[in-house]
Amino acid sequence: MKKNKESEIDLDILRNIEENPGVTQRRMAEELDVSLGKINYLIKSLIEKGSLIIENFKTSDNKLGYLYVITPQGMEQRRKLTLSFLKRKSEEFDKLKKEMERIENK
């Protein structure tokens, strides 16, 4: 179960970055309701897997910032995570549906 939760967070991170490459880790942590340390750990893991790279950029007020870039490997990982997520949710739905039918037929 823990593996599924981390996979879902990885998927959420990749989705977040795809929508906003300049998103901060703090912002992602708030949006995903996980600790900043957990986001940092998972992003480092995605970088080590080759799914993400980080590029430096200067913001308008000359502070150093980061831009996350999803690699082709990361896009493939996102696709696989999405398919796995949808399969898991479909199986959960089927189980719930069977349980509801069982309860209704009593």
Protein backbone atom coordinates (compact mmCIF):
# COMPACT_ATOMS: atom_id res chain seq x y z
CA MET A 1 0.00 0.00 0.00
CA LYS A 2 2.87 2.38 0.82
CA LYS A 3 4.31 1.80 -2.67
CA ASN A 4 0.96 2.78 -4.25
CA LYS A 5 0.80 5.97 -2.17
CA GLU A 6 4.31 7.02 -3.23
CA SER A 7 3.48 6.19 -6.85
CA GLU A 8 0.41 8.41 -6.62
CA ILE A 9 2.48 11.23 -5.14
CA ASP A 10 5.10 10.77 -7.90
CA LEU A 11 2.28 11.05 -10.43
CA ASP A 12 0.94 14.17 -8.70
CA ILE A 13 4.43 15.71 -8.68
CA LEU A 14 4.89 15.03 -12.40
CA ARG A 15 1.44 16.47 -13.14
CA ASN A 16 2.19 19.53 -11.02
CA ILE A 17 5.49 20.13 -12.78
CA GLU A 18 3.96 19.61 -16.20
CA GLU A 19 1.38 22.30 -15.42
CA ASN A 20 3.88 24.68 -13.78
CA PRO A 21 7.60 23.92 -14.26
CA GLY A 22 8.53 26.76 -11.90
CA VAL A 23 6.46 25.42 -9.00
CA THR A 24 8.27 25.37 -5.68
CA GLN A 25 8.63 22.32 -3.51
CA ARG A 26 6.88 24.18 -0.70
CA ARG A 27 3.90 24.90 -2.94
CA MET A 28 3.73 21.25 -4.06
CA ALA A 29 3.87 20.09 -0.44
CA GLU A 30 0.93 22.34 0.41
CA GLU A 31 -1.11 21.30 -2.63
CA LEU A 32 -0.46 17.58 -2.13
CA ASP A 33 -0.77 17.73 1.67
CA VAL A 34 2.58 16.06 2.33
CA SER A 35 5.67 17.32 4.14
CA LEU A 36 8.25 19.47 2.40
CA GLY A 37 10.88 16.86 3.26
CA LYS A 38 8.83 14.14 1.56
CA ILE A 39 8.47 16.26 -1.61
CA ASN A 40 12.21 16.94 -1.58
CA TYR A 41 12.97 13.23 -1.16
CA LEU A 42 10.59 12.20 -3.98
CA ILE A 43 11.88 14.88 -6.37
CA LYS A 44 15.46 13.75 -5.74
CA SER A 45 14.31 10.20 -6.45
CA LEU A 46 12.69 11.31 -9.73
CA ILE A 47 15.92 13.09 -10.67
CA GLU A 48 17.99 9.97 -9.88
CA LYS A 49 15.62 7.87 -12.05
CA GLY A 50 16.15 10.31 -14.91
CA SER A 51 12.52 11.46 -14.91
CA LEU A 52 13.30 15.06 -14.01
CA ILE A 53 16.11 17.52 -14.46
CA ILE A 54 16.51 20.88 -12.78
CA GLU A 55 17.62 24.01 -14.58
CA ASN A 56 18.60 27.24 -12.87
CA PHE A 57 17.00 30.47 -13.95
CA LYS A 58 16.91 34.04 -12.71
CA THR A 59 13.57 35.45 -11.65
CA SER A 60 12.62 39.04 -12.34
CA ASP A 61 13.93 40.16 -8.93
CA ASN A 62 17.29 38.47 -9.62
CA LYS A 63 16.89 35.67 -7.08
CA LEU A 64 18.17 32.29 -8.16
CA GLY A 65 15.33 29.89 -8.91
CA TYR A 66 14.78 26.46 -10.33
CA LEU A 67 12.82 25.18 -13.26
CA TYR A 68 11.84 21.52 -13.29
CA VAL A 69 11.91 19.79 -16.67
CA ILE A 70 10.26 16.43 -17.27
CA THR A 71 12.47 14.25 -19.44
CA PRO A 72 11.14 11.84 -22.08
CA GLN A 73 11.82 9.11 -19.51
CA GLY A 74 9.68 11.09 -17.05
CA MET A 75 6.85 11.38 -19.55
CA GLU A 76 6.93 7.61 -20.01
CA GLN A 77 6.96 7.10 -16.24
CA ARG A 78 3.99 9.49 -15.94
CA ARG A 79 2.12 7.49 -18.57
CA LYS A 80 2.81 4.20 -16.77
CA LEU A 81 1.88 5.65 -13.37
CA THR A 82 -1.37 6.99 -14.82
CA LEU A 83 -2.28 3.62 -16.32
CA SER A 84 -1.45 1.85 -13.06
CA PHE A 85 -3.48 4.37 -11.07
CA LEU A 86 -6.50 3.99 -13.36
CA LYS A 87 -6.26 0.20 -13.22
CA ARG A 88 -6.13 0.23 -9.42
CA LYS A 89 -9.09 2.60 -9.17
CA SER A 90 -11.08 0.52 -11.66
CA GLU A 91 -10.43 -2.63 -9.60
CA GLU A 92 -11.49 -0.79 -6.43
CA PHE A 93 -14.68 0.34 -8.17
CA ASP A 94 -15.47 -3.21 -9.30
CA LYS A 95 -14.98 -4.54 -5.75
CA LEU A 96 -17.22 -1.83 -4.30
CA LYS A 97 -19.85 -2.48 -6.92
CA LYS A 98 -19.86 -6.22 -6.13
CA GLU A 99 -20.10 -5.47 -2.41
CA MET A 100 -23.04 -3.12 -2.97
CA GLU A 101 -24.83 -5.76 -5.07
CA ARG A 102 -24.17 -8.37 -2.38
CA ILE A 103 -25.59 -6.10 0.32
CA GLU A 104 -28.63 -5.14 -1.78
CA ASN A 105 -29.46 -8.79 -2.52
CA LYS A 106 -29.59 -9.82 1.15
